[in-house]
Amino acid sequence: MVEPGKKLKIEKIEGKDGKEINFKEVLLLEKSNKLEIGDPKVSGASVSAKILAQKKAEKVIVFRYKSKTRRRKKKGHRQPFTEVEITGIETK
């Protein structure tokens, strides 16, 4: 659930820090304690946000080992993400 002022970490999207973005695919909307469920999307609703930073998550180590053959494989991965702040929710 999002609301204005909330900060989120989402899958990486293209854009520079400080850029305004608009999400037009809204699946569920609560307006004055009434839920509006999209079929598949809520028509006329959008969420605007501001990109705060493009970062990478902490490193996750993947280690595979086969005991009898002494086979080892060590790999690290850092997943990129975008940190956004919700600035507004528009409905029509």
N, C-alpha and C. Protein backbone atom coordinates (compact mmCIF):
# COMPACT_ATOMS: atom_id res chain seq x y z
N MET A 1 0.85 -1.18 0.00
CA MET A 1 0.00 0.00 0.00
C MET A 1 0.89 1.23 0.00
N VAL A 2 0.58 2.17 -0.87
CA VAL A 2 1.36 3.40 -0.95
C VAL A 2 0.49 4.59 -0.56
N GLU A 3 1.16 5.61 -0.07
CA GLU A 3 0.51 6.86 0.28
C GLU A 3 1.54 7.96 0.10
N PRO A 4 1.12 9.20 -0.11
CA PRO A 4 2.08 10.28 -0.33
C PRO A 4 3.07 10.39 0.83
N GLY A 5 4.34 10.54 0.47
CA GLY A 5 5.41 10.67 1.46
C GLY A 5 6.11 9.36 1.78
N LYS A 6 5.58 8.24 1.33
CA LYS A 6 6.17 6.94 1.63
C LYS A 6 7.33 6.65 0.68
N LYS A 7 8.42 6.09 1.22
CA LYS A 7 9.59 5.74 0.43
C LYS A 7 9.59 4.24 0.19
N LEU A 8 9.87 3.84 -1.06
CA LEU A 8 9.85 2.44 -1.46
C LEU A 8 11.13 2.08 -2.21
N LYS A 9 11.51 0.81 -2.10
CA LYS A 9 12.58 0.25 -2.92
C LYS A 9 11.90 -0.67 -3.93
N ILE A 10 12.07 -0.35 -5.22
CA ILE A 10 11.44 -1.14 -6.27
C ILE A 10 12.51 -1.65 -7.23
N GLU A 11 12.11 -2.56 -8.11
CA GLU A 11 13.01 -3.07 -9.14
C GLU A 11 13.55 -1.91 -9.96
N LYS A 12 14.79 -1.99 -10.39
CA LYS A 12 15.45 -0.89 -11.08
C LYS A 12 14.67 -0.43 -12.31
N ILE A 13 14.45 0.88 -12.38
CA ILE A 13 13.86 1.51 -13.56
C ILE A 13 14.81 2.60 -14.02
N GLU A 14 14.76 2.93 -15.27
CA GLU A 14 15.66 3.95 -15.83
C GLU A 14 15.23 5.33 -15.38
N GLY A 15 16.19 6.19 -15.12
CA GLY A 15 15.92 7.57 -14.74
C GLY A 15 16.99 8.10 -13.81
N LYS A 16 17.17 9.40 -13.83
CA LYS A 16 18.16 10.05 -12.97
C LYS A 16 17.54 10.45 -11.64
N ASP A 17 18.38 10.70 -10.66
CA ASP A 17 17.92 11.14 -9.34
C ASP A 17 17.18 12.47 -9.46
N GLY A 18 16.03 12.58 -8.78
CA GLY A 18 15.23 13.79 -8.81
C GLY A 18 14.19 13.83 -9.91
N LYS A 19 14.20 12.86 -10.82
CA LYS A 19 13.24 12.85 -11.92
C LYS A 19 11.87 12.39 -11.43
N GLU A 20 10.82 13.03 -11.93
CA GLU A 20 9.44 12.64 -11.61
C GLU A 20 9.00 11.53 -12.57
N ILE A 21 8.37 10.49 -12.02
CA ILE A 21 7.85 9.40 -12.84
C ILE A 21 6.39 9.18 -12.50
N ASN A 22 5.68 8.52 -13.41
CA ASN A 22 4.25 8.32 -13.22
C ASN A 22 3.92 6.85 -13.49
N PHE A 23 3.27 6.19 -12.53
CA PHE A 23 2.82 4.82 -12.69
C PHE A 23 1.35 4.84 -13.06
N LYS A 24 1.01 4.39 -14.27
CA LYS A 24 -0.37 4.45 -14.74
C LYS A 24 -1.13 3.16 -14.51
N GLU A 25 -0.45 2.09 -14.17
CA GLU A 25 -1.10 0.80 -13.97
C GLU A 25 -1.37 0.59 -12.48
N VAL A 26 -2.55 1.00 -12.03
CA VAL A 26 -2.96 0.87 -10.63
C VAL A 26 -3.96 -0.29 -10.55
N LEU A 27 -3.69 -1.23 -9.66
CA LEU A 27 -4.53 -2.42 -9.56
C LEU A 27 -5.64 -2.28 -8.52
N LEU A 28 -5.40 -1.48 -7.46
CA LEU A 28 -6.38 -1.34 -6.39
C LEU A 28 -6.30 0.08 -5.86
N LEU A 29 -7.45 0.66 -5.54
CA LEU A 29 -7.50 2.04 -5.06
C LEU A 29 -8.48 2.15 -3.91
N GLU A 30 -8.05 2.80 -2.82
CA GLU A 30 -8.95 3.06 -1.70
C GLU A 30 -9.25 4.55 -1.66
N LYS A 31 -10.54 4.86 -1.75
CA LYS A 31 -10.95 6.26 -1.77
C LYS A 31 -12.09 6.41 -0.77
N SER A 32 -11.88 7.22 0.27
CA SER A 32 -12.86 7.45 1.34
C SER A 32 -13.43 6.13 1.88
N ASN A 33 -12.54 5.25 2.30
CA ASN A 33 -12.85 3.95 2.89
C ASN A 33 -13.64 3.02 1.97
N LYS A 34 -13.57 3.23 0.67
CA LYS A 34 -14.19 2.33 -0.30
C LYS A 34 -13.10 1.82 -1.23
N LEU A 35 -13.09 0.51 -1.44
CA LEU A 35 -12.11 -0.11 -2.32
C LEU A 35 -12.62 -0.15 -3.74
N GLU A 36 -11.73 0.18 -4.65
CA GLU A 36 -12.03 0.07 -6.08
C GLU A 36 -11.00 -0.88 -6.67
N ILE A 37 -11.47 -2.04 -7.11
CA ILE A 37 -10.59 -3.07 -7.64
C ILE A 37 -10.63 -3.02 -9.16
N GLY A 38 -9.44 -3.00 -9.76
CA GLY A 38 -9.35 -2.92 -11.21
C GLY A 38 -9.65 -4.23 -11.90
N ASP A 39 -10.03 -4.12 -13.17
CA ASP A 39 -10.32 -5.32 -13.95
C ASP A 39 -9.64 -5.20 -15.30
N PRO A 40 -8.39 -5.37 -15.50
CA PRO A 40 -7.33 -5.65 -14.55
C PRO A 40 -6.74 -4.40 -13.90
N LYS A 41 -6.99 -3.20 -14.43
CA LYS A 41 -6.46 -1.97 -13.86
C LYS A 41 -7.59 -1.01 -13.54
N VAL A 42 -7.36 -0.11 -12.59
CA VAL A 42 -8.33 0.93 -12.25
C VAL A 42 -8.20 2.03 -13.30
N SER A 43 -9.28 2.33 -14.00
CA SER A 43 -9.21 3.32 -15.07
C SER A 43 -9.15 4.73 -14.47
N GLY A 44 -8.28 5.54 -15.03
CA GLY A 44 -8.17 6.93 -14.62
C GLY A 44 -7.33 7.16 -13.37
N ALA A 45 -6.71 6.14 -12.82
CA ALA A 45 -5.89 6.31 -11.62
C ALA A 45 -4.41 6.23 -11.98
N SER A 46 -3.61 7.03 -11.29
CA SER A 46 -2.17 6.98 -11.49
C SER A 46 -1.48 7.42 -10.20
N VAL A 47 -0.23 6.99 -10.06
CA VAL A 47 0.58 7.31 -8.90
C VAL A 47 1.83 8.02 -9.39
N SER A 48 2.13 9.19 -8.84
CA SER A 48 3.34 9.92 -9.22
C SER A 48 4.37 9.77 -8.11
N ALA A 49 5.64 9.68 -8.54
CA ALA A 49 6.73 9.48 -7.59
C ALA A 49 7.97 10.21 -8.06
N LYS A 50 8.91 10.38 -7.14
CA LYS A 50 10.18 11.04 -7.45
C LYS A 50 11.30 10.05 -7.16
N ILE A 51 12.24 9.91 -8.09
CA ILE A 51 13.37 9.00 -7.91
C ILE A 51 14.35 9.65 -6.93
N LEU A 52 14.66 8.92 -5.86
CA LEU A 52 15.61 9.42 -4.87
C LEU A 52 17.03 8.94 -5.15
N ALA A 53 17.17 7.65 -5.50
CA ALA A 53 18.51 7.10 -5.72
C ALA A 53 18.45 5.81 -6.53
N GLN A 54 19.53 5.55 -7.25
CA GLN A 54 19.74 4.28 -7.94
C GLN A 54 20.85 3.58 -7.16
N LYS A 55 20.55 2.45 -6.53
CA LYS A 55 21.52 1.77 -5.68
C LYS A 55 21.57 0.29 -5.98
N LYS A 56 22.46 -0.39 -5.26
CA LYS A 56 22.55 -1.85 -5.31
C LYS A 56 22.35 -2.38 -3.90
N ALA A 57 21.69 -3.53 -3.80
CA ALA A 57 21.46 -4.15 -2.50
C ALA A 57 22.78 -4.75 -1.99
N GLU A 58 22.77 -5.22 -0.75
CA GLU A 58 23.96 -5.84 -0.19
C GLU A 58 24.27 -7.13 -0.96
N LYS A 59 25.55 -7.52 -0.92
CA LYS A 59 25.98 -8.68 -1.67
C LYS A 59 25.44 -9.96 -1.05
N VAL A 60 24.95 -10.84 -1.93
CA VAL A 60 24.48 -12.16 -1.53
C VAL A 60 25.49 -13.16 -2.09
N ILE A 61 26.02 -14.03 -1.22
CA ILE A 61 26.99 -15.02 -1.63
C ILE A 61 26.27 -16.32 -1.99
N VAL A 62 26.58 -16.86 -3.17
CA VAL A 62 26.03 -18.13 -3.61
C VAL A 62 27.20 -19.11 -3.63
N PHE A 63 27.12 -20.16 -2.82
CA PHE A 63 28.21 -21.13 -2.72
C PHE A 63 27.67 -22.53 -2.96
N ARG A 64 28.21 -23.22 -3.97
CA ARG A 64 27.81 -24.59 -4.27
C ARG A 64 29.00 -25.51 -4.00
N TYR A 65 28.71 -26.68 -3.44
CA TYR A 65 29.77 -27.61 -3.07
C TYR A 65 29.31 -29.03 -3.29
N LYS A 66 30.14 -29.83 -3.92
CA LYS A 66 29.90 -31.27 -4.09
C LYS A 66 30.94 -31.99 -3.22
N SER A 67 30.47 -32.78 -2.27
CA SER A 67 31.36 -33.33 -1.26
C SER A 67 32.37 -34.34 -1.79
N LYS A 68 31.96 -35.30 -2.55
CA LYS A 68 32.86 -36.38 -2.97
C LYS A 68 33.89 -35.92 -4.01
N THR A 69 33.50 -35.02 -4.87
CA THR A 69 34.40 -34.58 -5.94
C THR A 69 35.20 -33.33 -5.59
N ARG A 70 34.94 -32.75 -4.43
CA ARG A 70 35.61 -31.52 -3.97
C ARG A 70 35.43 -30.37 -4.96
N ARG A 71 34.27 -30.32 -5.52
CA ARG A 71 33.97 -29.26 -6.47
C ARG A 71 33.32 -28.09 -5.73
N ARG A 72 33.86 -26.89 -5.94
CA ARG A 72 33.35 -25.69 -5.27
C ARG A 72 33.12 -24.59 -6.29
N LYS A 73 32.08 -23.81 -6.03
CA LYS A 73 31.79 -22.66 -6.90
C LYS A 73 31.26 -21.55 -6.00
N LYS A 74 31.93 -20.41 -5.98
CA LYS A 74 31.52 -19.27 -5.16
C LYS A 74 31.24 -18.10 -6.07
N LYS A 75 30.07 -17.49 -5.86
CA LYS A 75 29.64 -16.38 -6.69
C LYS A 75 28.96 -15.34 -5.81
N GLY A 76 29.10 -14.08 -6.13
CA GLY A 76 28.42 -13.00 -5.41
C GLY A 76 27.50 -12.24 -6.36
N HIS A 77 26.44 -11.67 -5.79
CA HIS A 77 25.48 -10.92 -6.62
C HIS A 77 24.94 -9.74 -5.83
N ARG A 78 24.85 -8.57 -6.48
CA ARG A 78 24.23 -7.38 -5.90
C ARG A 78 23.10 -6.94 -6.82
N GLN A 79 21.87 -7.03 -6.33
CA GLN A 79 20.70 -6.70 -7.14
C GLN A 79 20.51 -5.18 -7.19
N PRO A 80 20.43 -4.58 -8.38
CA PRO A 80 20.17 -3.15 -8.47
C PRO A 80 18.70 -2.84 -8.16
N PHE A 81 18.46 -1.68 -7.52
CA PHE A 81 17.10 -1.24 -7.23
C PHE A 81 17.03 0.27 -7.31
N THR A 82 15.81 0.79 -7.36
CA THR A 82 15.56 2.22 -7.39
C THR A 82 14.76 2.59 -6.15
N GLU A 83 15.21 3.62 -5.46
CA GLU A 83 14.49 4.10 -4.29
C GLU A 83 13.64 5.30 -4.73
N VAL A 84 12.32 5.21 -4.50
CA VAL A 84 11.40 6.27 -4.91
C VAL A 84 10.59 6.76 -3.71
N GLU A 85 10.13 8.01 -3.83
CA GLU A 85 9.23 8.58 -2.83
C GLU A 85 7.92 8.93 -3.53
N ILE A 86 6.80 8.45 -2.98
CA ILE A 86 5.49 8.71 -3.57
C ILE A 86 5.12 10.17 -3.30
N THR A 87 4.78 10.89 -4.37
CA THR A 87 4.43 12.31 -4.21
C THR A 87 2.93 12.55 -4.30
N GLY A 88 2.19 11.66 -4.97
CA GLY A 88 0.76 11.88 -5.08
C GLY A 88 0.02 10.73 -5.75
N ILE A 89 -1.28 10.65 -5.48
CA ILE A 89 -2.14 9.67 -6.10
C ILE A 89 -3.29 10.42 -6.76
N GLU A 90 -3.40 10.27 -8.08
CA GLU A 90 -4.45 10.99 -8.83
C GLU A 90 -5.53 10.04 -9.26
N THR A 91 -6.78 10.48 -9.15
CA THR A 91 -7.92 9.70 -9.64
C THR A 91 -8.80 10.62 -10.49
N LYS A 92 -9.57 10.01 -11.37
CA LYS A 92 -10.46 10.81 -12.22
C LYS A 92 -11.88 10.41 -12.02
